[in-house]
Structures are given as structure tokens and as C-alpha cells.
Amino acid sequence: MAKKGKKRKEIKRKLLHKYRLVILNENTFEEKISFKLSRLNVFVTGSLFIIVLIAFTTLLIAFSPLKEYIPGYSSTKLKKQATELTYKTDSLVTVLNYTNKYLDNIRMVLNGDISNTKINRDSLFEQFKLDPSSIDLTPIREDSILRAQVEHEDKYNLFEKNSANVNLLLFPPINGNITEEFNQKNKHFAIDIVAVKETPIKAVANGTVIFAEWTSDTGYVIILEHTDGLLSVYKHCGSLNKNQGDLAKAGEVIASVGNTGELTTGPHLHFELWNNGSPVDPQDYIDFK
């Protein structure tokens, strides 16, 4: 016990023992500054200095741009920019997918390819059929008023619209003799109209030119996009008067009859009409006589 007590006193004496730190002038040995220090004071002062230094460094990094230079740490501005770029990328990917589908439809129109798969529409709606006996079909006041309004409006309707067909007034692109008619079984989704070379070809309706280029098989081709998902295609043209992106009015000259392309047999117009991605017989909507 005595040894332990002596040891503790010795440690305490060493910690509290005073030392003098003197700064002298080397030439004159004049005393400039002196400090009375103990080992305990040095230890406490050094510890406080280290703590203050750590706290200052932490605050400096947390509230200054220096934190951006630390690997793995990004600023709020950079995170916001990254988020915005992510949203823009997703939007661009969506637009790109729609554009690719749109271009695939254009290629299908140019190549004349179409799937002949038939779907039984009745089977699709079988699960949604209702039993009439379970429904109250007694006319209500609102229904009677609506019927009266519809009947009144129908008296003054000059044209009856059919959602299954093309709802546009279409003009003939040219007048002439039809040498080959629309035949879906033989994949001839068009009509061929014989005409004199350089005869003006007119737009069948108001629309936008979405394709106006040369193809090896069908020569000069121009495609117009109209309302309600309608496309009109003009192939084997001799020349084109419109470029891609131009607007065309109904009856406006957009090209001329020619004999271009490897699949042509003489001056004529190969005319196609597509409604919502499906070919339709142009003679059902246009009088070519």
C-alpha cells in the first residue's frame, strides 16, 4: 500500500511540477517571454486545441464548398441537376420509343407489309357482357331530355359521321383509268391509276408531308399525314413539289406522275390510303371517274 501511495504521489508531482519556458534573444540573452507550465497544463491545452481544430474543420467542410471535393459527397445543386437530368432522360426515352414505333409504321406503309392476324372482337368483350334482365331499363327524365336534344340536333346534320370509316371529304389525286384495284389477299394495298407522264398529282386532303424521298423500288414517294389517323401515299412519282415537314392543302399539287422505281411498269400513280395503321380501299372514299 505504501508503494502504491508513493507511486501516486510521484505521478501527481510530475503532472503538477512547474516548468518554465523562456524565449531569449540569442545575441544578448535578454529574456523576451517566459511561461510557467506543467505537464497537466500542456496535456489539457493540447487536448482542447485538438478538439477546437476538429470542430472548426468539421464546420468549415459542412458549410463551405470544400465538401464538394470530398469523394462520394455531392452538393444539393448537383443532386438537383442529376434529378432533372434523370427526368429528362426518361422523357427522351419515351419520346424515342414513340418515334421508333411511328417510323416502323412508316416503313410498313412503304414496304406494303401488314399482319393478317384476325382477332375475334366478340371474345374480347365477352367478359363485359351484362344480362339485360338484371338491368332496370325504365326510361328516366334525364334520358328523355337527352333523346329529345339528340333528335333535334340530327334534324340539322347534313352529314352522318361513321367512326369506323374515314371522316374526311377526299379529292382524287388524279383522274384516269384504274389498271389494278385494291386487293388485300395479294397484298396490293393500293390502286394503280394510269395517266400521262408529268400529270399533276394533288393532295386528297389537308395534311403534313411526313416523307418525301427516293426509294429504289417505288421511285419518288411522298406520304401525307391527315387528321383522324389517315395517311395517303403516292408512289412512282416523276418529281416532288413538297419536302418533309411542309403543309399541303386539299387539291394542292404535291408531285407529278412518273415512271420511277424498279417495280414500275409505265407512267402511273400507285396510290394507297391507310386508316389508323390499316390499309383501306381508296375507291370506297374517292370517286376517280
C-alpha atoms as a PDB file:
ATOM      1  CA  MET A   1       0.000   0.000   0.000  1.00  0.00           C
ATOM      2  CA  ALA A   2       2.827   2.326   0.836  1.00  0.00           C
ATOM      3  CA  LYS A   3       4.407   1.710  -2.532  1.00  0.00           C
ATOM      4  CA  LYS A   4       1.142   2.476  -4.338  1.00  0.00           C
ATOM      5  CA  GLY A   5       0.711   5.681  -2.358  1.00  0.00           C
ATOM      6  CA  LYS A   6       4.221   6.780  -3.155  1.00  0.00           C
ATOM      7  CA  LYS A   7       3.685   5.985  -6.815  1.00  0.00           C
ATOM      8  CA  ARG A   8       0.525   8.084  -6.945  1.00  0.00           C
ATOM      9  CA  LYS A   9       2.242  10.976  -5.245  1.00  0.00           C
ATOM     10  CA  GLU A  10       5.113  10.684  -7.694  1.00  0.00           C
ATOM     11  CA  ILE A  11       2.753  10.812 -10.685  1.00  0.00           C
ATOM     12  CA  LYS A  12       0.875  13.764  -9.197  1.00  0.00           C
ATOM     13  CA  ARG A  13       4.163  15.555  -8.511  1.00  0.00           C
ATOM     14  CA  LYS A  14       5.301  15.050 -12.108  1.00  0.00           C
ATOM     15  CA  LEU A  15       1.990  16.285 -13.518  1.00  0.00           C
ATOM     16  CA  LEU A  16       1.914  19.401 -11.323  1.00  0.00           C
ATOM     17  CA  HIS A  17       5.620  20.124 -11.383  1.00  0.00           C
ATOM     18  CA  LYS A  18       6.234  23.564 -12.841  1.00  0.00           C
ATOM     19  CA  TYR A  19       8.492  24.166 -15.772  1.00  0.00           C
ATOM     20  CA  ARG A  20       9.498  27.498 -17.223  1.00  0.00           C
ATOM     21  CA  LEU A  21       9.521  28.063 -20.939  1.00  0.00           C
ATOM     22  CA  VAL A  22      11.775  31.007 -21.696  1.00  0.00           C
ATOM     23  CA  ILE A  23      12.346  32.713 -25.052  1.00  0.00           C
ATOM     24  CA  LEU A  24      15.697  34.578 -25.143  1.00  0.00           C
ATOM     25  CA  ASN A  25      17.446  36.848 -27.560  1.00  0.00           C
ATOM     26  CA  GLU A  26      20.268  34.768 -28.940  1.00  0.00           C
ATOM     27  CA  ASN A  27      22.742  37.652 -29.126  1.00  0.00           C
ATOM     28  CA  THR A  28      22.057  39.445 -25.845  1.00  0.00           C
ATOM     29  CA  PHE A  29      20.449  36.577 -23.927  1.00  0.00           C
ATOM     30  CA  GLU A  30      17.724  39.033 -22.972  1.00  0.00           C
ATOM     31  CA  GLU A  31      14.572  37.309 -21.792  1.00  0.00           C
ATOM     32  CA  LYS A  32      11.640  38.117 -24.049  1.00  0.00           C
ATOM     33  CA  ILE A  33       8.818  35.808 -22.988  1.00  0.00           C
ATOM     34  CA  SER A  34       8.508  33.181 -20.327  1.00  0.00           C
ATOM     35  CA  PHE A  35       5.759  30.715 -19.478  1.00  0.00           C
ATOM     36  CA  LYS A  36       5.211  28.625 -16.393  1.00  0.00           C
ATOM     37  CA  LEU A  37       3.919  25.254 -17.496  1.00  0.00           C
ATOM     38  CA  SER A  38       3.177  21.879 -16.071  1.00  0.00           C
ATOM     39  CA  ARG A  39       2.668  18.593 -17.808  1.00  0.00           C
ATOM     40  CA  LEU A  40      -1.016  18.681 -16.853  1.00  0.00           C
ATOM     41  CA  ASN A  41      -1.438  22.163 -18.369  1.00  0.00           C
ATOM     42  CA  VAL A  42       0.253  21.056 -21.616  1.00  0.00           C
ATOM     43  CA  PHE A  43      -1.929  17.961 -21.855  1.00  0.00           C
ATOM     44  CA  VAL A  44      -5.173  19.882 -21.193  1.00  0.00           C
ATOM     45  CA  THR A  45      -4.218  22.734 -23.540  1.00  0.00           C
ATOM     46  CA  GLY A  46      -3.203  20.319 -26.297  1.00  0.00           C
ATOM     47  CA  SER A  47      -6.444  18.335 -25.940  1.00  0.00           C
ATOM     48  CA  LEU A  48      -8.585  21.496 -26.107  1.00  0.00           C
ATOM     49  CA  PHE A  49      -6.639  22.694 -29.131  1.00  0.00           C
ATOM     50  CA  ILE A  50      -7.201  19.402 -30.951  1.00  0.00           C
ATOM     51  CA  ILE A  51     -10.946  19.435 -30.131  1.00  0.00           C
ATOM     52  CA  VAL A  52     -11.308  23.025 -31.346  1.00  0.00           C
ATOM     53  CA  LEU A  53      -9.376  22.202 -34.512  1.00  0.00           C
ATOM     54  CA  ILE A  54     -11.585  19.196 -35.240  1.00  0.00           C
ATOM     55  CA  ALA A  55     -14.778  21.233 -34.640  1.00  0.00           C
ATOM     56  CA  PHE A  56     -13.542  24.097 -36.837  1.00  0.00           C
ATOM     57  CA  THR A  57     -12.601  21.705 -39.658  1.00  0.00           C
ATOM     58  CA  THR A  58     -15.991  19.980 -39.457  1.00  0.00           C
ATOM     59  CA  LEU A  59     -17.887  23.294 -39.638  1.00  0.00           C
ATOM     60  CA  LEU A  60     -15.684  24.509 -42.459  1.00  0.00           C
ATOM     61  CA  ILE A  61     -16.390  21.393 -44.540  1.00  0.00           C
ATOM     62  CA  ALA A  62     -20.102  21.281 -43.701  1.00  0.00           C
ATOM     63  CA  PHE A  63     -20.896  24.925 -44.505  1.00  0.00           C
ATOM     64  CA  SER A  64     -18.475  25.710 -47.320  1.00  0.00           C
ATOM     65  CA  PRO A  65     -17.901  24.485 -50.906  1.00  0.00           C
ATOM     66  CA  LEU A  66     -14.932  22.437 -49.707  1.00  0.00           C
ATOM     67  CA  LYS A  67     -17.260  19.496 -49.090  1.00  0.00           C
ATOM     68  CA  GLU A  68     -17.695  19.080 -52.871  1.00  0.00           C
ATOM     69  CA  TYR A  69     -14.049  17.999 -53.115  1.00  0.00           C
ATOM     70  CA  ILE A  70     -14.609  15.071 -50.756  1.00  0.00           C
ATOM     71  CA  PRO A  71     -15.049  11.805 -52.736  1.00  0.00           C
ATOM     72  CA  GLY A  72     -18.615  10.486 -52.541  1.00  0.00           C
ATOM     73  CA  TYR A  73     -20.069  13.776 -51.282  1.00  0.00           C
ATOM     74  CA  SER A  74     -22.129  15.906 -53.676  1.00  0.00           C
ATOM     75  CA  SER A  75     -23.790  19.249 -53.211  1.00  0.00           C
ATOM     76  CA  THR A  76     -27.539  19.883 -53.229  1.00  0.00           C
ATOM     77  CA  LYS A  77     -27.215  21.705 -56.546  1.00  0.00           C
ATOM     78  CA  LEU A  78     -25.535  18.734 -58.176  1.00  0.00           C
ATOM     79  CA  LYS A  79     -28.173  16.382 -56.780  1.00  0.00           C
ATOM     80  CA  LYS A  80     -30.933  18.614 -58.166  1.00  0.00           C
ATOM     81  CA  GLN A  81     -29.256  18.727 -61.572  1.00  0.00           C
ATOM     82  CA  ALA A  82     -28.845  14.956 -61.553  1.00  0.00           C
ATOM     83  CA  THR A  83     -32.539  14.501 -60.715  1.00  0.00           C
ATOM     84  CA  GLU A  84     -33.616  16.857 -63.502  1.00  0.00           C
ATOM     85  CA  LEU A  85     -31.353  15.084 -65.973  1.00  0.00           C
ATOM     86  CA  THR A  86     -32.847  11.750 -64.925  1.00  0.00           C
ATOM     87  CA  TYR A  87     -36.379  13.024 -65.605  1.00  0.00           C
ATOM     88  CA  LYS A  88     -35.302  14.457 -68.953  1.00  0.00           C
ATOM     89  CA  THR A  89     -33.649  11.175 -69.882  1.00  0.00           C
ATOM     90  CA  ASP A  90     -36.817   9.242 -69.075  1.00  0.00           C
ATOM     91  CA  SER A  91     -38.858  11.661 -71.179  1.00  0.00           C
ATOM     92  CA  LEU A  92     -36.429  11.374 -74.082  1.00  0.00           C
ATOM     93  CA  VAL A  93     -36.554   7.582 -73.886  1.00  0.00           C
ATOM     94  CA  THR A  94     -40.369   7.695 -74.018  1.00  0.00           C
ATOM     95  CA  VAL A  95     -40.344  10.064 -76.997  1.00  0.00           C
ATOM     96  CA  LEU A  96     -37.733   7.876 -78.704  1.00  0.00           C
ATOM     97  CA  ASN A  97     -39.898   4.775 -78.244  1.00  0.00           C
ATOM     98  CA  TYR A  98     -42.935   6.540 -79.734  1.00  0.00           C
ATOM     99  CA  THR A  99     -40.799   7.811 -82.612  1.00  0.00           C
ATOM    100  CA  ASN A 100     -39.451   4.332 -83.320  1.00  0.00           C
ATOM    101  CA  LYS A 101     -42.983   2.929 -83.393  1.00  0.00           C
ATOM    102  CA  TYR A 102     -44.041   5.742 -85.700  1.00  0.00           C
ATOM    103  CA  LEU A 103     -41.112   5.052 -88.040  1.00  0.00           C
ATOM    104  CA  ASP A 104     -41.945   1.342 -88.006  1.00  0.00           C
ATOM    105  CA  ASN A 105     -45.460   2.200 -89.226  1.00  0.00           C
ATOM    106  CA  ILE A 106     -43.994   4.364 -91.986  1.00  0.00           C
ATOM    107  CA  ARG A 107     -41.690   1.530 -93.051  1.00  0.00           C
ATOM    108  CA  MET A 108     -44.673  -0.814 -93.076  1.00  0.00           C
ATOM    109  CA  VAL A 109     -46.538   1.581 -95.364  1.00  0.00           C
ATOM    110  CA  LEU A 110     -43.551   1.899 -97.697  1.00  0.00           C
ATOM    111  CA  ASN A 111     -42.960  -1.861 -97.868  1.00  0.00           C
ATOM    112  CA  GLY A 112     -46.639  -2.771 -98.052  1.00  0.00           C
ATOM    113  CA  ASP A 113     -46.330  -5.201 -95.141  1.00  0.00           C
ATOM    114  CA  ILE A 114     -49.278  -5.822 -92.858  1.00  0.00           C
ATOM    115  CA  SER A 115     -50.197  -8.585 -90.472  1.00  0.00           C
ATOM    116  CA  ASN A 116     -53.240 -10.616 -91.491  1.00  0.00           C
ATOM    117  CA  THR A 117     -53.910 -11.823 -87.937  1.00  0.00           C
ATOM    118  CA  LYS A 118     -57.610 -11.660 -87.215  1.00  0.00           C
ATOM    119  CA  ILE A 119     -58.968 -11.165 -83.709  1.00  0.00           C
ATOM    120  CA  ASN A 120     -62.400 -12.204 -82.578  1.00  0.00           C
ATOM    121  CA  ARG A 121     -63.725  -8.959 -81.151  1.00  0.00           C
ATOM    122  CA  ASP A 122     -66.674 -10.742 -79.500  1.00  0.00           C
ATOM    123  CA  SER A 123     -64.307 -12.856 -77.397  1.00  0.00           C
ATOM    124  CA  LEU A 124     -62.564  -9.731 -76.113  1.00  0.00           C
ATOM    125  CA  PHE A 125     -65.776  -8.247 -74.787  1.00  0.00           C
ATOM    126  CA  GLU A 126     -67.376 -11.489 -73.619  1.00  0.00           C
ATOM    127  CA  GLN A 127     -66.448 -10.859 -70.000  1.00  0.00           C
ATOM    128  CA  PHE A 128     -68.037  -7.417 -70.064  1.00  0.00           C
ATOM    129  CA  LYS A 129     -71.446  -8.578 -71.324  1.00  0.00           C
ATOM    130  CA  LEU A 130     -74.345  -7.908 -68.986  1.00  0.00           C
ATOM    131  CA  ASP A 131     -77.608  -9.750 -68.564  1.00  0.00           C
ATOM    132  CA  PRO A 132     -80.386  -7.386 -69.752  1.00  0.00           C
ATOM    133  CA  SER A 133     -82.802  -8.972 -67.311  1.00  0.00           C
ATOM    134  CA  SER A 134     -80.677  -7.735 -64.413  1.00  0.00           C
ATOM    135  CA  ILE A 135     -80.767  -4.089 -65.551  1.00  0.00           C
ATOM    136  CA  ASP A 136     -83.571  -1.614 -64.990  1.00  0.00           C
ATOM    137  CA  LEU A 137     -84.290  -0.214 -68.452  1.00  0.00           C
ATOM    138  CA  THR A 138     -87.114   2.081 -67.401  1.00  0.00           C
ATOM    139  CA  PRO A 139     -86.561   5.495 -69.073  1.00  0.00           C
ATOM    140  CA  ILE A 140     -85.712   8.309 -66.695  1.00  0.00           C
ATOM    141  CA  ARG A 141     -86.392  12.032 -67.092  1.00  0.00           C
ATOM    142  CA  GLU A 142     -82.758  12.905 -67.957  1.00  0.00           C
ATOM    143  CA  ASP A 143     -82.685  10.189 -70.614  1.00  0.00           C
ATOM    144  CA  SER A 144     -85.833  11.528 -72.248  1.00  0.00           C
ATOM    145  CA  ILE A 145     -84.439  15.068 -72.315  1.00  0.00           C
ATOM    146  CA  LEU A 146     -81.170  13.841 -73.883  1.00  0.00           C
ATOM    147  CA  ARG A 147     -83.023  11.865 -76.542  1.00  0.00           C
ATOM    148  CA  ALA A 148     -85.065  14.936 -77.439  1.00  0.00           C
ATOM    149  CA  GLN A 149     -81.911  17.049 -77.774  1.00  0.00           C
ATOM    150  CA  VAL A 150     -80.189  14.474 -79.986  1.00  0.00           C
ATOM    151  CA  GLU A 151     -83.244  14.146 -82.231  1.00  0.00           C
ATOM    152  CA  HIS A 152     -83.416  17.926 -82.554  1.00  0.00           C
ATOM    153  CA  GLU A 153     -79.736  18.173 -83.490  1.00  0.00           C
ATOM    154  CA  ASP A 154     -79.970  15.309 -86.006  1.00  0.00           C
ATOM    155  CA  LYS A 155     -82.600  17.209 -87.984  1.00  0.00           C
ATOM    156  CA  TYR A 156     -79.966  19.771 -88.959  1.00  0.00           C
ATOM    157  CA  ASN A 157     -76.997  17.442 -89.524  1.00  0.00           C
ATOM    158  CA  LEU A 158     -76.042  17.420 -93.188  1.00  0.00           C
ATOM    159  CA  PHE A 159     -73.545  14.600 -92.865  1.00  0.00           C
ATOM    160  CA  GLU A 160     -73.727  11.459 -90.775  1.00  0.00           C
ATOM    161  CA  LYS A 161     -70.353  10.515 -89.309  1.00  0.00           C
ATOM    162  CA  ASN A 162     -69.197   6.956 -89.003  1.00  0.00           C
ATOM    163  CA  SER A 163     -66.366   6.370 -86.537  1.00  0.00           C
ATOM    164  CA  ALA A 164     -65.325   3.151 -88.283  1.00  0.00           C
ATOM    165  CA  ASN A 165     -64.612   4.907 -91.579  1.00  0.00           C
ATOM    166  CA  VAL A 166     -62.629   7.897 -92.769  1.00  0.00           C
ATOM    167  CA  ASN A 167     -64.472  11.071 -91.763  1.00  0.00           C
ATOM    168  CA  LEU A 168     -62.889  13.370 -94.362  1.00  0.00           C
ATOM    169  CA  LEU A 169     -64.011  14.683 -97.689  1.00  0.00           C
ATOM    170  CA  LEU A 170     -61.316  13.324-100.002  1.00  0.00           C
ATOM    171  CA  PHE A 171     -60.454  14.521-103.502  1.00  0.00           C
ATOM    172  CA  PRO A 172     -58.996  12.318-106.262  1.00  0.00           C
ATOM    173  CA  PRO A 173     -55.221  12.758-106.626  1.00  0.00           C
ATOM    174  CA  ILE A 174     -55.542  12.343-110.410  1.00  0.00           C
ATOM    175  CA  ASN A 175     -58.205  11.254-112.864  1.00  0.00           C
ATOM    176  CA  GLY A 176     -57.531   8.260-115.062  1.00  0.00           C
ATOM    177  CA  ASN A 177     -58.109   4.591-115.705  1.00  0.00           C
ATOM    178  CA  ILE A 178     -57.541   2.157-112.849  1.00  0.00           C
ATOM    179  CA  THR A 179     -55.417  -0.725-114.114  1.00  0.00           C
ATOM    180  CA  GLU A 180     -55.107  -2.625-110.825  1.00  0.00           C
ATOM    181  CA  GLU A 181     -57.509  -2.398-107.942  1.00  0.00           C
ATOM    182  CA  PHE A 182     -57.094  -2.827-104.195  1.00  0.00           C
ATOM    183  CA  ASN A 183     -56.525  -6.489-103.307  1.00  0.00           C
ATOM    184  CA  GLN A 184     -55.655  -7.294 -99.717  1.00  0.00           C
ATOM    185  CA  LYS A 185     -55.235 -11.035-100.345  1.00  0.00           C
ATOM    186  CA  ASN A 186     -52.458 -10.378-102.868  1.00  0.00           C
ATOM    187  CA  LYS A 187     -51.002  -7.655-100.607  1.00  0.00           C
ATOM    188  CA  HIS A 188     -51.708  -4.969-103.178  1.00  0.00           C
ATOM    189  CA  PHE A 189     -52.864  -2.309-100.722  1.00  0.00           C
ATOM    190  CA  ALA A 190     -53.371   0.351-103.366  1.00  0.00           C
ATOM    191  CA  ILE A 191     -54.861   1.203-106.727  1.00  0.00           C
ATOM    192  CA  ASP A 192     -52.798   1.893-109.843  1.00  0.00           C
ATOM    193  CA  ILE A 193     -54.023   4.783-111.975  1.00  0.00           C
ATOM    194  CA  VAL A 194     -52.635   5.230-115.489  1.00  0.00           C
ATOM    195  CA  ALA A 195     -52.049   8.835-116.536  1.00  0.00           C
ATOM    196  CA  VAL A 196     -49.907  10.874-118.884  1.00  0.00           C
ATOM    197  CA  LYS A 197     -46.393  11.498-117.648  1.00  0.00           C
ATOM    198  CA  GLU A 198     -45.950  14.763-115.661  1.00  0.00           C
ATOM    199  CA  THR A 199     -49.671  14.923-114.875  1.00  0.00           C
ATOM    200  CA  PRO A 200     -50.057  16.938-111.623  1.00  0.00           C
ATOM    201  CA  ILE A 201     -50.763  14.852-108.524  1.00  0.00           C
ATOM    202  CA  LYS A 202     -52.903  16.620-105.946  1.00  0.00           C
ATOM    203  CA  ALA A 203     -53.303  16.142-102.203  1.00  0.00           C
ATOM    204  CA  VAL A 204     -56.503  14.320-101.322  1.00  0.00           C
ATOM    205  CA  ALA A 205     -56.984  16.411 -98.146  1.00  0.00           C
ATOM    206  CA  ASN A 206     -55.238  18.899 -95.888  1.00  0.00           C
ATOM    207  CA  GLY A 207     -52.186  17.356 -94.287  1.00  0.00           C
ATOM    208  CA  THR A 208     -48.494  17.408 -93.444  1.00  0.00           C
ATOM    209  CA  VAL A 209     -45.741  15.829 -95.524  1.00  0.00           C
ATOM    210  CA  ILE A 210     -44.053  13.215 -93.322  1.00  0.00           C
ATOM    211  CA  PHE A 211     -41.999  11.518 -96.061  1.00  0.00           C
ATOM    212  CA  ALA A 212     -40.710  12.807 -99.391  1.00  0.00           C
ATOM    213  CA  GLU A 213     -37.745  10.799-100.640  1.00  0.00           C
ATOM    214  CA  TRP A 214     -36.450   8.472-103.351  1.00  0.00           C
ATOM    215  CA  THR A 215     -36.706   4.690-102.883  1.00  0.00           C
ATOM    216  CA  SER A 216     -35.168   2.084-105.159  1.00  0.00           C
ATOM    217  CA  ASP A 217     -38.356   0.016-105.559  1.00  0.00           C
ATOM    218  CA  THR A 218     -41.018   2.713-105.845  1.00  0.00           C
ATOM    219  CA  GLY A 219     -39.020   5.746-107.038  1.00  0.00           C
ATOM    220  CA  TYR A 220     -40.096   9.118-105.711  1.00  0.00           C
ATOM    221  CA  VAL A 221     -42.547   8.644-102.836  1.00  0.00           C
ATOM    222  CA  ILE A 222     -44.483  11.237-100.857  1.00  0.00           C
ATOM    223  CA  ILE A 223     -46.635  10.493 -97.799  1.00  0.00           C
ATOM    224  CA  LEU A 224     -49.134  12.895 -96.226  1.00  0.00           C
ATOM    225  CA  GLU A 225     -50.498  12.635 -92.712  1.00  0.00           C
ATOM    226  CA  HIS A 226     -54.087  13.860 -92.287  1.00  0.00           C
ATOM    227  CA  THR A 227     -56.431  14.063 -89.309  1.00  0.00           C
ATOM    228  CA  ASP A 228     -58.034  11.054 -87.617  1.00  0.00           C
ATOM    229  CA  GLY A 229     -55.006   8.803 -88.226  1.00  0.00           C
ATOM    230  CA  LEU A 230     -55.280   8.904 -92.022  1.00  0.00           C
ATOM    231  CA  LEU A 231     -52.242   8.550 -94.317  1.00  0.00           C
ATOM    232  CA  SER A 232     -52.185   8.977 -98.093  1.00  0.00           C
ATOM    233  CA  VAL A 233     -49.254   7.511-100.054  1.00  0.00           C
ATOM    234  CA  TYR A 234     -48.200   8.448-103.593  1.00  0.00           C
ATOM    235  CA  LYS A 235     -45.545   6.252-105.275  1.00  0.00           C
ATOM    236  CA  HIS A 236     -43.673   6.130-108.621  1.00  0.00           C
ATOM    237  CA  CYS A 237     -43.835   9.927-108.926  1.00  0.00           C
ATOM    238  CA  GLY A 238     -41.785  11.689-111.571  1.00  0.00           C
ATOM    239  CA  SER A 239     -40.945  14.626-109.302  1.00  0.00           C
ATOM    240  CA  LEU A 240     -41.906  16.001-105.887  1.00  0.00           C
ATOM    241  CA  ASN A 241     -43.113  19.533-105.189  1.00  0.00           C
ATOM    242  CA  LYS A 242     -43.068  19.248-101.404  1.00  0.00           C
ATOM    243  CA  ASN A 243     -40.453  18.465 -98.788  1.00  0.00           C
ATOM    244  CA  GLN A 244     -40.748  16.694 -95.470  1.00  0.00           C
ATOM    245  CA  GLY A 245     -42.444  18.909 -92.896  1.00  0.00           C
ATOM    246  CA  ASP A 246     -44.325  21.040 -95.470  1.00  0.00           C
ATOM    247  CA  LEU A 247     -48.065  21.627 -95.213  1.00  0.00           C
ATOM    248  CA  ALA A 248     -50.331  20.695 -98.107  1.00  0.00           C
ATOM    249  CA  LYS A 249     -53.886  21.834 -98.735  1.00  0.00           C
ATOM    250  CA  ALA A 250     -56.586  19.696-100.320  1.00  0.00           C
ATOM    251  CA  GLY A 251     -56.263  19.860-104.103  1.00  0.00           C
ATOM    252  CA  GLU A 252     -52.752  21.367-103.988  1.00  0.00           C
ATOM    253  CA  VAL A 253     -50.205  19.925-106.421  1.00  0.00           C
ATOM    254  CA  ILE A 254     -47.639  17.911-104.454  1.00  0.00           C
ATOM    255  CA  ALA A 255     -45.975  15.826-107.194  1.00  0.00           C
ATOM    256  CA  SER A 256     -46.248  14.694-110.821  1.00  0.00           C
ATOM    257  CA  VAL A 257     -46.901  11.341-112.474  1.00  0.00           C
ATOM    258  CA  GLY A 258     -43.756   9.476-113.431  1.00  0.00           C
ATOM    259  CA  ASN A 259     -42.253   6.103-114.161  1.00  0.00           C
ATOM    260  CA  THR A 260     -39.634   5.849-111.413  1.00  0.00           C
ATOM    261  CA  GLY A 261     -38.567   2.853-109.383  1.00  0.00           C
ATOM    262  CA  GLU A 262     -37.718  -0.738-110.198  1.00  0.00           C
ATOM    263  CA  LEU A 263     -41.296  -2.005-109.731  1.00  0.00           C
ATOM    264  CA  THR A 264     -42.957   0.334-112.210  1.00  0.00           C
ATOM    265  CA  THR A 265     -44.443  -0.847-115.500  1.00  0.00           C
ATOM    266  CA  GLY A 266     -45.123   2.551-117.055  1.00  0.00           C
ATOM    267  CA  PRO A 267     -46.290   6.047-116.182  1.00  0.00           C
ATOM    268  CA  HIS A 268     -48.879   5.678-113.443  1.00  0.00           C
ATOM    269  CA  LEU A 269     -49.681   6.565-109.837  1.00  0.00           C
ATOM    270  CA  HIS A 270     -49.585   3.912-107.131  1.00  0.00           C
ATOM    271  CA  PHE A 271     -51.967   5.381-104.543  1.00  0.00           C
ATOM    272  CA  GLU A 272     -52.508   3.992-101.042  1.00  0.00           C
ATOM    273  CA  LEU A 273     -54.818   5.037 -98.222  1.00  0.00           C
ATOM    274  CA  TRP A 274     -54.152   3.945 -94.624  1.00  0.00           C
ATOM    275  CA  ASN A 275     -56.512   4.467 -91.710  1.00  0.00           C
ATOM    276  CA  ASN A 276     -55.002   4.034 -88.214  1.00  0.00           C
ATOM    277  CA  GLY A 277     -52.303   1.665 -89.480  1.00  0.00           C
ATOM    278  CA  SER A 278     -54.615  -0.444 -91.677  1.00  0.00           C
ATOM    279  CA  PRO A 279     -54.916  -0.200 -95.480  1.00  0.00           C
ATOM    280  CA  VAL A 280     -58.316   0.696 -96.918  1.00  0.00           C
ATOM    281  CA  ASP A 281     -59.637   0.656-100.460  1.00  0.00           C
ATOM    282  CA  PRO A 282     -59.334   4.213-101.839  1.00  0.00           C
ATOM    283  CA  GLN A 283     -62.322   3.618-104.144  1.00  0.00           C
ATOM    284  CA  ASP A 284     -64.575   3.386-101.072  1.00  0.00           C
ATOM    285  CA  TYR A 285     -63.886   7.035-100.304  1.00  0.00           C
ATOM    286  CA  ILE A 286     -62.801   8.682-103.574  1.00  0.00           C
ATOM    287  CA  ASP A 287     -64.501   8.891-106.966  1.00  0.00           C
ATOM    288  CA  PHE A 288     -61.739   8.529-109.580  1.00  0.00           C
ATOM    289  CA  LYS A 289     -64.021   8.902-112.601  1.00  0.00           C
END
